[in-house]
């Protein structure tokens, strides 16, 4: 399900957040990506590899029901999480 579908259904934000179970580190990762920082650079700042950042991002996307990092960033921004 994409961000537009969630918005179109008018789901309650609280239920989105309950379903997503995003951690503070997940939100930090999304916030850095929203600034245009690369996965490798985010990894260096978090002391993990870029590959680990991409794996975590895939998990975030799966939890919130979007396909891409851009959609995940948009999802979080629309909910004012980042």
N, C-alpha and C. Protein backbone atom coordinates (compact mmCIF):
# COMPACT_ATOMS: atom_id res chain seq x y z
N UNK A 1 0.85 -1.16 0.00
CA UNK A 1 0.00 0.00 0.00
C UNK A 1 0.90 1.23 0.00
N UNK A 2 0.62 2.15 -0.88
CA UNK A 2 1.40 3.38 -0.97
C UNK A 2 0.87 4.47 -0.06
N UNK A 3 1.64 5.51 0.05
CA UNK A 3 1.27 6.64 0.90
C UNK A 3 -0.06 7.23 0.45
N UNK A 4 -0.25 7.36 -0.85
CA UNK A 4 -1.50 7.95 -1.34
C UNK A 4 -2.71 7.11 -0.96
N UNK A 5 -2.53 5.79 -0.93
CA UNK A 5 -3.66 4.94 -0.55
C UNK A 5 -4.00 5.11 0.92
N UNK A 6 -2.97 5.24 1.77
CA UNK A 6 -3.22 5.46 3.19
C UNK A 6 -3.96 6.77 3.39
N UNK A 7 -3.49 7.82 2.71
CA UNK A 7 -4.14 9.13 2.83
C UNK A 7 -5.56 9.07 2.30
N UNK A 8 -5.77 8.37 1.20
CA UNK A 8 -7.10 8.30 0.61
C UNK A 8 -8.08 7.57 1.53
N UNK A 9 -7.59 6.59 2.27
CA UNK A 9 -8.47 5.86 3.17
C UNK A 9 -8.76 6.64 4.43
N UNK A 10 -7.95 7.68 4.67
CA UNK A 10 -8.20 8.52 5.84
C UNK A 10 -7.96 7.80 7.15
N UNK A 11 -6.98 6.91 7.18
CA UNK A 11 -6.69 6.19 8.41
C UNK A 11 -6.25 7.14 9.50
N UNK A 12 -6.58 6.79 10.70
CA UNK A 12 -6.19 7.57 11.87
C UNK A 12 -4.68 7.50 12.05
N UNK A 13 -4.05 8.64 12.34
CA UNK A 13 -2.60 8.69 12.50
C UNK A 13 -2.12 7.81 13.65
N UNK A 14 -2.88 7.76 14.71
CA UNK A 14 -2.47 6.94 15.84
C UNK A 14 -2.38 5.47 15.45
N UNK A 15 -3.33 4.99 14.66
CA UNK A 15 -3.28 3.59 14.25
C UNK A 15 -2.12 3.35 13.30
N UNK A 16 -1.78 4.35 12.45
CA UNK A 16 -0.61 4.23 11.59
C UNK A 16 0.64 4.07 12.42
N UNK A 17 0.77 4.89 13.47
CA UNK A 17 1.96 4.84 14.31
C UNK A 17 2.02 3.53 15.08
N UNK A 18 0.89 3.06 15.57
CA UNK A 18 0.87 1.78 16.27
C UNK A 18 1.32 0.66 15.34
N UNK A 19 0.84 0.70 14.11
CA UNK A 19 1.18 -0.33 13.14
C UNK A 19 2.64 -0.24 12.74
N UNK A 20 3.16 0.95 12.63
CA UNK A 20 4.51 1.14 12.12
C UNK A 20 5.57 0.73 13.12
N UNK A 21 5.38 1.02 14.40
CA UNK A 21 6.37 0.70 15.43
C UNK A 21 7.75 1.23 15.06
N UNK A 22 7.83 2.49 14.68
CA UNK A 22 9.11 3.08 14.33
C UNK A 22 9.86 3.51 15.58
N UNK A 23 11.14 3.20 15.61
CA UNK A 23 11.99 3.59 16.73
C UNK A 23 12.55 4.98 16.49
N UNK A 24 13.16 5.53 17.51
CA UNK A 24 13.82 6.83 17.36
C UNK A 24 14.93 6.75 16.31
N UNK A 25 15.64 5.63 16.27
CA UNK A 25 16.70 5.46 15.28
C UNK A 25 16.12 5.38 13.86
N UNK A 26 14.96 4.74 13.71
CA UNK A 26 14.29 4.70 12.40
C UNK A 26 13.96 6.11 11.94
N UNK A 27 13.42 6.91 12.86
CA UNK A 27 13.05 8.28 12.52
C UNK A 27 14.28 9.12 12.21
N UNK A 28 15.37 8.90 12.93
CA UNK A 28 16.62 9.60 12.64
C UNK A 28 17.11 9.25 11.24
N UNK A 29 17.06 7.98 10.90
CA UNK A 29 17.47 7.53 9.57
C UNK A 29 16.63 8.21 8.49
N UNK A 30 15.32 8.24 8.67
CA UNK A 30 14.44 8.87 7.69
C UNK A 30 14.69 10.38 7.61
N UNK A 31 14.94 11.01 8.75
CA UNK A 31 15.20 12.45 8.77
C UNK A 31 16.48 12.77 8.00
N UNK A 32 17.51 11.96 8.17
CA UNK A 32 18.76 12.18 7.45
C UNK A 32 18.56 11.98 5.95
N UNK A 33 17.82 10.97 5.58
CA UNK A 33 17.54 10.73 4.15
C UNK A 33 16.73 11.88 3.57
N UNK A 34 15.83 12.44 4.37
CA UNK A 34 15.02 13.58 3.90
C UNK A 34 15.90 14.78 3.59
N UNK A 35 17.03 14.90 4.29
CA UNK A 35 17.96 16.00 4.03
C UNK A 35 18.81 15.76 2.79
N UNK A 36 18.72 14.55 2.23
CA UNK A 36 19.51 14.23 1.05
C UNK A 36 20.82 13.53 1.35
N UNK A 37 21.00 13.11 2.58
CA UNK A 37 22.21 12.41 2.98
C UNK A 37 22.15 10.98 2.43
N UNK A 38 23.27 10.49 1.92
CA UNK A 38 23.29 9.14 1.34
C UNK A 38 23.25 8.08 2.45
N UNK A 39 22.86 6.88 2.07
CA UNK A 39 22.81 5.76 3.02
C UNK A 39 24.19 5.49 3.59
N UNK A 40 25.23 5.60 2.78
CA UNK A 40 26.59 5.36 3.28
C UNK A 40 26.98 6.40 4.32
N UNK A 41 26.64 7.64 4.07
CA UNK A 41 26.99 8.70 5.03
C UNK A 41 26.16 8.55 6.32
N UNK A 42 24.89 8.20 6.19
CA UNK A 42 24.07 7.95 7.38
C UNK A 42 24.70 6.81 8.19
N UNK A 43 25.13 5.78 7.49
CA UNK A 43 25.77 4.65 8.15
C UNK A 43 27.01 5.06 8.93
N UNK A 44 27.83 5.91 8.31
CA UNK A 44 29.03 6.37 9.01
C UNK A 44 28.67 7.15 10.27
N UNK A 45 27.62 7.96 10.22
CA UNK A 45 27.23 8.73 11.40
C UNK A 45 26.63 7.84 12.49
N UNK A 46 26.07 6.70 12.10
CA UNK A 46 25.47 5.77 13.07
C UNK A 46 26.41 4.62 13.43
N UNK A 47 27.63 4.64 12.88
CA UNK A 47 28.61 3.57 13.09
C UNK A 47 28.13 2.21 12.60
N UNK A 48 27.46 2.21 11.45
CA UNK A 48 27.06 0.98 10.78
C UNK A 48 27.38 1.15 9.30
N UNK A 49 27.30 0.08 8.55
CA UNK A 49 27.60 0.17 7.12
C UNK A 49 26.41 0.72 6.35
N UNK A 50 26.68 1.21 5.16
CA UNK A 50 25.61 1.66 4.28
C UNK A 50 24.64 0.54 3.97
N UNK A 51 25.18 -0.67 3.88
CA UNK A 51 24.33 -1.84 3.61
C UNK A 51 23.35 -2.06 4.76
N UNK A 52 23.82 -1.87 5.99
CA UNK A 52 22.94 -2.01 7.15
C UNK A 52 21.85 -0.95 7.13
N UNK A 53 22.21 0.26 6.75
CA UNK A 53 21.22 1.34 6.64
C UNK A 53 20.16 0.96 5.61
N UNK A 54 20.58 0.44 4.46
CA UNK A 54 19.61 0.05 3.43
C UNK A 54 18.73 -1.10 3.89
N UNK A 55 19.30 -2.04 4.67
CA UNK A 55 18.51 -3.15 5.21
C UNK A 55 17.48 -2.63 6.21
N UNK A 56 17.91 -1.72 7.08
CA UNK A 56 16.97 -1.12 8.05
C UNK A 56 15.88 -0.34 7.33
N UNK A 57 16.26 0.37 6.28
CA UNK A 57 15.28 1.13 5.51
C UNK A 57 14.25 0.20 4.87
N UNK A 58 14.71 -0.94 4.37
CA UNK A 58 13.78 -1.92 3.79
C UNK A 58 12.79 -2.39 4.85
N UNK A 59 13.27 -2.60 6.08
CA UNK A 59 12.39 -3.00 7.17
C UNK A 59 11.38 -1.93 7.51
N UNK A 60 11.82 -0.68 7.50
CA UNK A 60 10.91 0.45 7.76
C UNK A 60 9.82 0.47 6.69
N UNK A 61 10.24 0.36 5.44
CA UNK A 61 9.27 0.38 4.33
C UNK A 61 8.25 -0.74 4.48
N UNK A 62 8.72 -1.93 4.84
CA UNK A 62 7.81 -3.06 5.02
C UNK A 62 6.82 -2.80 6.16
N UNK A 63 7.29 -2.21 7.26
CA UNK A 63 6.42 -1.97 8.41
C UNK A 63 5.36 -0.92 8.12
N UNK A 64 5.71 0.10 7.34
CA UNK A 64 4.71 1.17 7.11
C UNK A 64 3.94 0.96 5.81
N UNK A 65 4.32 -0.04 5.04
CA UNK A 65 3.55 -0.41 3.87
C UNK A 65 3.81 0.44 2.64
N UNK A 66 5.07 0.83 2.44
CA UNK A 66 5.44 1.57 1.24
C UNK A 66 6.54 0.80 0.51
N UNK A 67 6.81 1.21 -0.72
CA UNK A 67 7.77 0.47 -1.54
C UNK A 67 9.17 1.08 -1.58
N UNK A 68 9.28 2.39 -1.48
CA UNK A 68 10.57 3.04 -1.68
C UNK A 68 10.94 3.93 -0.50
N UNK A 69 12.23 4.29 -0.46
CA UNK A 69 12.71 5.19 0.59
C UNK A 69 12.04 6.55 0.48
N UNK A 70 11.81 7.01 -0.72
CA UNK A 70 11.15 8.30 -0.93
C UNK A 70 9.75 8.27 -0.34
N UNK A 71 9.03 7.19 -0.57
CA UNK A 71 7.69 7.07 0.01
C UNK A 71 7.75 7.01 1.53
N UNK A 72 8.76 6.35 2.08
CA UNK A 72 8.90 6.26 3.53
C UNK A 72 9.16 7.65 4.13
N UNK A 73 10.02 8.42 3.49
CA UNK A 73 10.31 9.77 3.95
C UNK A 73 9.04 10.62 3.87
N UNK A 74 8.32 10.52 2.76
CA UNK A 74 7.08 11.28 2.61
C UNK A 74 6.05 10.86 3.66
N UNK A 75 5.95 9.58 3.93
CA UNK A 75 5.01 9.05 4.94
C UNK A 75 5.31 9.68 6.29
N UNK A 76 6.58 9.68 6.68
CA UNK A 76 6.97 10.23 7.98
C UNK A 76 6.78 11.75 8.02
N UNK A 77 7.10 12.42 6.92
CA UNK A 77 6.96 13.88 6.87
C UNK A 77 5.50 14.30 6.97
N UNK A 78 4.62 13.58 6.31
CA UNK A 78 3.19 13.93 6.36
C UNK A 78 2.62 13.78 7.75
N UNK A 79 3.23 12.91 8.53
CA UNK A 79 2.78 12.68 9.91
C UNK A 79 3.56 13.53 10.90
N UNK A 80 4.41 14.40 10.36
CA UNK A 80 5.25 15.30 11.16
C UNK A 80 6.12 14.57 12.16
N UNK A 81 6.62 13.42 11.73
CA UNK A 81 7.53 12.63 12.56
C UNK A 81 8.98 13.05 12.32
N UNK A 82 9.21 13.65 11.17
CA UNK A 82 10.57 14.12 10.85
C UNK A 82 10.51 15.56 10.42
